[in-house]
Amino acid sequence: MNKLIGIFGGTFDPIHYGHLRPALDVMQQVGLQQVRFIPNRLPPHREKPVLSDQQRVELVALAIADTPGFVLDDRELRRDGPSFMVDTLLSLQGDFSGSTLCLIMGMDAFNELPQWHRWQTILDLCHIIVTTRPDSQLAEFASQIPIATQISDNPQTLLQRPVGQILLQSVTQLNISASQIRQYLSSGQSTQYLLPETVREKLEQAYAR
């Protein structure tokens, strides 16, 4: 049976518990072998990260160091141009040809999927795991064929086909934002309980300079 590998991309500007806990929920509940955290270099749909590439890599490494199965993957930072997920998945397929890739994203990101570069090709390269909350609502495009036929809330469906399945997965939702953390740091307020202590200490040292 193919191994399931989670792909979790983002700016991680900085990484915090709102990223980490849902990723852990997905890994445990779905049965992923690992979750690969992939910091964006140039995100196509949002502003350039405030923290440097090096800072974000260091913080992700600190945040996930004690969690078996969490892996830092810096391939997008080593690639020129916008960080298109389709290019990342093609690269990952080359490295993990014997495994099944599962792209993890929140409901808001999934509802904007038709705006992504070559978005339909993404479903030819991996499964998508959409993390949900009680008030989550799918966008209209998800009710259209063939997308509607690919949506399920049963993790076992990921084992029934190599790509193209969309899993709606309930996770712990923590209303934490990276921009709020940066604002706290800039104003000298504590960021305790929002992110791992090792990350908090490193960030507060950086902002104190």
Protein backbone atom coordinates (compact mmCIF):
# COMPACT_ATOMS: atom_id res chain seq x y z
CA MET A 1 0.00 0.00 0.00
CA ASN A 2 1.30 3.44 -0.91
CA LYS A 3 2.34 5.71 1.93
CA LEU A 4 0.36 8.93 2.41
CA ILE A 5 2.51 12.07 2.56
CA GLY A 6 0.98 15.35 3.66
CA ILE A 7 2.03 18.55 1.88
CA PHE A 8 1.50 21.73 3.89
CA GLY A 9 2.58 24.93 2.15
CA GLY A 10 2.38 28.47 3.47
CA THR A 11 4.31 31.62 4.20
CA PHE A 12 4.72 30.61 7.88
CA ASP A 13 5.40 34.28 8.63
CA PRO A 14 5.83 33.14 11.40
CA ILE A 15 4.67 29.58 12.00
CA HIS A 16 2.31 29.23 15.00
CA TYR A 17 -0.06 26.83 16.74
CA GLY A 18 -2.78 27.63 14.21
CA HIS A 19 -0.61 25.83 11.65
CA LEU A 20 0.80 23.12 13.87
CA ARG A 21 -2.24 21.70 15.66
CA PRO A 22 -4.40 21.20 12.54
CA ALA A 23 -1.44 19.56 10.77
CA LEU A 24 -1.02 17.17 13.69
CA ASP A 25 -4.77 16.42 13.71
CA VAL A 26 -4.66 15.55 10.00
CA MET A 27 -1.56 13.37 10.35
CA GLN A 28 -3.08 11.39 13.23
CA GLN A 29 -6.68 11.14 12.00
CA VAL A 30 -5.92 10.41 8.36
CA GLY A 31 -2.87 8.23 8.95
CA LEU A 32 -0.23 10.22 7.10
CA GLN A 33 3.31 8.92 7.25
CA GLN A 34 4.60 12.48 7.42
CA VAL A 35 3.66 16.12 6.89
CA ARG A 36 6.12 18.19 4.88
CA PHE A 37 6.08 21.90 5.79
CA ILE A 38 6.98 23.90 2.67
CA PRO A 39 7.58 27.65 3.17
CA ASN A 40 6.63 29.76 0.14
CA ARG A 41 9.27 31.93 -1.51
CA LEU A 42 6.97 34.17 -3.56
CA PRO A 43 3.31 33.32 -2.77
CA PRO A 44 1.19 34.09 -5.88
CA HIS A 45 -1.96 35.10 -3.99
CA ARG A 46 -0.64 37.21 -1.13
CA GLU A 47 2.03 39.73 -0.23
CA LYS A 48 5.69 38.80 0.10
CA PRO A 49 6.51 37.49 3.60
CA VAL A 50 7.75 40.01 6.16
CA LEU A 51 10.29 37.66 7.73
CA SER A 52 13.26 36.59 5.63
CA ASP A 53 13.51 33.17 4.03
CA GLN A 54 16.24 32.21 6.48
CA GLN A 55 14.20 33.32 9.50
CA ARG A 56 11.13 31.40 8.39
CA VAL A 57 13.12 28.22 7.72
CA GLU A 58 14.80 28.45 11.13
CA LEU A 59 11.46 29.01 12.89
CA VAL A 60 9.73 26.13 11.12
CA ALA A 61 12.66 23.86 12.00
CA LEU A 62 12.40 24.89 15.66
CA ALA A 63 8.63 24.50 15.73
CA ILE A 64 8.53 20.95 14.37
CA ALA A 65 11.76 19.58 15.86
CA ASP A 66 10.04 17.50 18.55
CA THR A 67 7.18 16.10 16.44
CA PRO A 68 7.92 12.78 14.70
CA GLY A 69 6.60 12.84 11.15
CA PHE A 70 6.85 16.62 10.73
CA VAL A 71 9.48 17.47 8.08
CA LEU A 72 10.86 20.80 6.83
CA ASP A 73 11.03 21.00 3.03
CA ASP A 74 12.66 24.16 1.60
CA ARG A 75 12.34 23.32 -2.11
CA GLU A 76 10.23 26.40 -2.93
CA LEU A 77 12.85 28.68 -1.39
CA ARG A 78 15.46 27.13 -3.69
CA ARG A 79 13.34 27.71 -6.81
CA ASP A 80 13.15 30.99 -8.72
CA GLY A 81 9.85 32.61 -9.62
CA PRO A 82 6.41 32.41 -7.98
CA SER A 83 5.76 29.46 -5.68
CA PHE A 84 3.13 27.67 -7.75
CA MET A 85 1.90 24.55 -5.99
CA VAL A 86 1.60 22.62 -9.25
CA ASP A 87 5.38 22.96 -9.75
CA THR A 88 6.02 21.87 -6.18
CA LEU A 89 3.83 18.78 -6.58
CA LEU A 90 5.60 17.82 -9.81
CA SER A 91 8.92 18.08 -7.97
CA LEU A 92 7.61 16.03 -5.06
CA GLN A 93 6.30 13.34 -7.40
CA GLY A 94 9.83 12.90 -8.66
CA ASP A 95 11.13 12.41 -5.13
CA PHE A 96 8.27 10.26 -3.80
CA SER A 97 7.13 8.24 -6.78
CA GLY A 98 6.06 5.35 -4.57
CA SER A 99 3.90 7.46 -2.27
CA THR A 100 0.54 9.24 -2.43
CA LEU A 101 0.70 13.02 -2.01
CA CYS A 102 -2.02 14.75 0.03
CA LEU A 103 -2.15 18.53 -0.17
CA ILE A 104 -3.43 20.05 3.09
CA MET A 105 -5.26 23.38 3.01
CA GLY A 106 -7.92 25.30 4.88
CA MET A 107 -11.45 25.80 3.60
CA ASP A 108 -10.77 29.43 2.61
CA ALA A 109 -7.84 28.38 0.44
CA PHE A 110 -9.82 25.52 -1.11
CA ASN A 111 -12.68 27.85 -2.01
CA GLU A 112 -10.17 29.98 -3.94
CA LEU A 113 -8.68 26.95 -5.74
CA PRO A 114 -10.04 27.95 -9.20
CA GLN A 115 -7.79 31.04 -8.99
CA TRP A 116 -4.67 28.92 -8.56
CA HIS A 117 -2.22 28.39 -11.41
CA ARG A 118 -3.21 25.23 -13.35
CA TRP A 119 -5.53 24.27 -10.51
CA GLN A 120 -7.16 21.36 -12.32
CA THR A 121 -3.74 19.78 -12.85
CA ILE A 122 -3.27 19.77 -9.07
CA LEU A 123 -6.02 17.14 -8.77
CA ASP A 124 -4.12 15.02 -11.28
CA LEU A 125 -1.08 15.04 -9.00
CA CYS A 126 -2.43 14.54 -5.49
CA HIS A 127 -5.37 14.27 -3.14
CA ILE A 128 -6.54 17.38 -1.30
CA ILE A 129 -7.31 17.39 2.42
CA VAL A 130 -9.47 20.38 3.36
CA THR A 131 -9.42 21.23 7.06
CA THR A 132 -12.88 22.29 8.19
CA ARG A 133 -14.60 24.02 11.10
CA PRO A 134 -18.28 23.93 12.11
CA ASP A 135 -19.22 27.03 10.08
CA SER A 136 -17.30 25.98 6.95
CA GLN A 137 -19.10 26.28 3.63
CA LEU A 138 -17.91 25.07 0.26
CA ALA A 139 -17.81 27.51 -2.65
CA GLU A 140 -20.18 27.01 -5.56
CA PHE A 141 -17.56 25.44 -7.83
CA ALA A 142 -17.36 22.45 -5.44
CA SER A 143 -20.97 21.51 -6.22
CA GLN A 144 -20.23 21.04 -9.92
CA ILE A 145 -19.32 17.79 -11.64
CA PRO A 146 -16.73 16.28 -11.49
CA ILE A 147 -15.54 18.07 -8.32
CA ALA A 148 -18.69 17.17 -6.35
CA THR A 149 -18.17 13.45 -7.00
CA GLN A 150 -14.61 13.62 -5.61
CA ILE A 151 -15.54 15.06 -2.20
CA SER A 152 -15.82 12.83 0.87
CA ASP A 153 -15.45 12.96 4.65
CA ASN A 154 -14.08 9.42 4.86
CA PRO A 155 -10.26 9.18 5.04
CA GLN A 156 -10.41 5.66 3.57
CA THR A 157 -11.25 7.16 0.18
CA LEU A 158 -7.65 8.38 -0.06
CA LEU A 159 -6.57 4.76 -0.35
CA GLN A 160 -9.01 3.89 -3.12
CA ARG A 161 -7.43 5.95 -5.90
CA PRO A 162 -3.97 7.45 -6.48
CA VAL A 163 -5.02 11.10 -6.94
CA GLY A 164 -8.00 13.39 -7.22
CA GLN A 165 -9.89 12.74 -3.99
CA ILE A 166 -10.99 15.71 -1.83
CA LEU A 167 -11.28 14.90 1.87
CA LEU A 168 -13.15 17.21 4.25
CA GLN A 169 -11.39 16.72 7.58
CA SER A 170 -12.48 18.30 10.87
CA VAL A 171 -9.54 19.63 12.93
CA THR A 172 -8.88 21.74 16.00
CA GLN A 173 -9.35 25.34 14.92
CA LEU A 174 -7.22 28.00 16.61
CA ASN A 175 -7.96 31.59 15.66
CA ILE A 176 -4.34 32.77 15.53
CA SER A 177 -2.89 34.96 12.80
CA ALA A 178 0.74 35.57 11.86
CA SER A 179 0.00 39.27 11.29
CA GLN A 180 -1.33 39.61 14.85
CA ILE A 181 1.79 37.91 16.20
CA ARG A 182 4.00 40.34 14.26
CA GLN A 183 1.95 43.25 15.60
CA TYR A 184 2.40 42.04 19.17
CA LEU A 185 6.13 41.69 18.62
CA SER A 186 6.42 45.17 17.10
CA SER A 187 4.58 46.73 20.06
CA GLY A 188 6.46 44.76 22.68
CA GLN A 189 3.51 42.62 23.76
CA SER A 190 3.93 38.98 24.71
CA THR A 191 3.21 36.24 22.16
CA GLN A 192 3.15 33.53 24.81
CA TYR A 193 0.71 30.64 24.14
CA LEU A 194 0.40 31.56 20.45
CA LEU A 195 3.41 29.63 19.18
CA PRO A 196 6.06 27.21 20.51
CA GLU A 197 8.38 28.64 23.13
CA THR A 198 11.49 28.03 21.03
CA VAL A 199 9.92 30.02 18.18
CA ARG A 200 8.71 32.78 20.51
CA GLU A 201 12.14 33.22 22.07
CA LYS A 202 13.86 33.41 18.69
CA LEU A 203 11.34 35.93 17.36
CA GLU A 204 11.42 38.16 20.42
CA GLN A 205 15.22 38.26 20.21
CA ALA A 206 14.99 39.29 16.55
CA TYR A 207 12.43 42.02 17.19
CA ALA A 208 14.39 43.34 20.19
CA ARG A 209 17.40 44.24 18.05
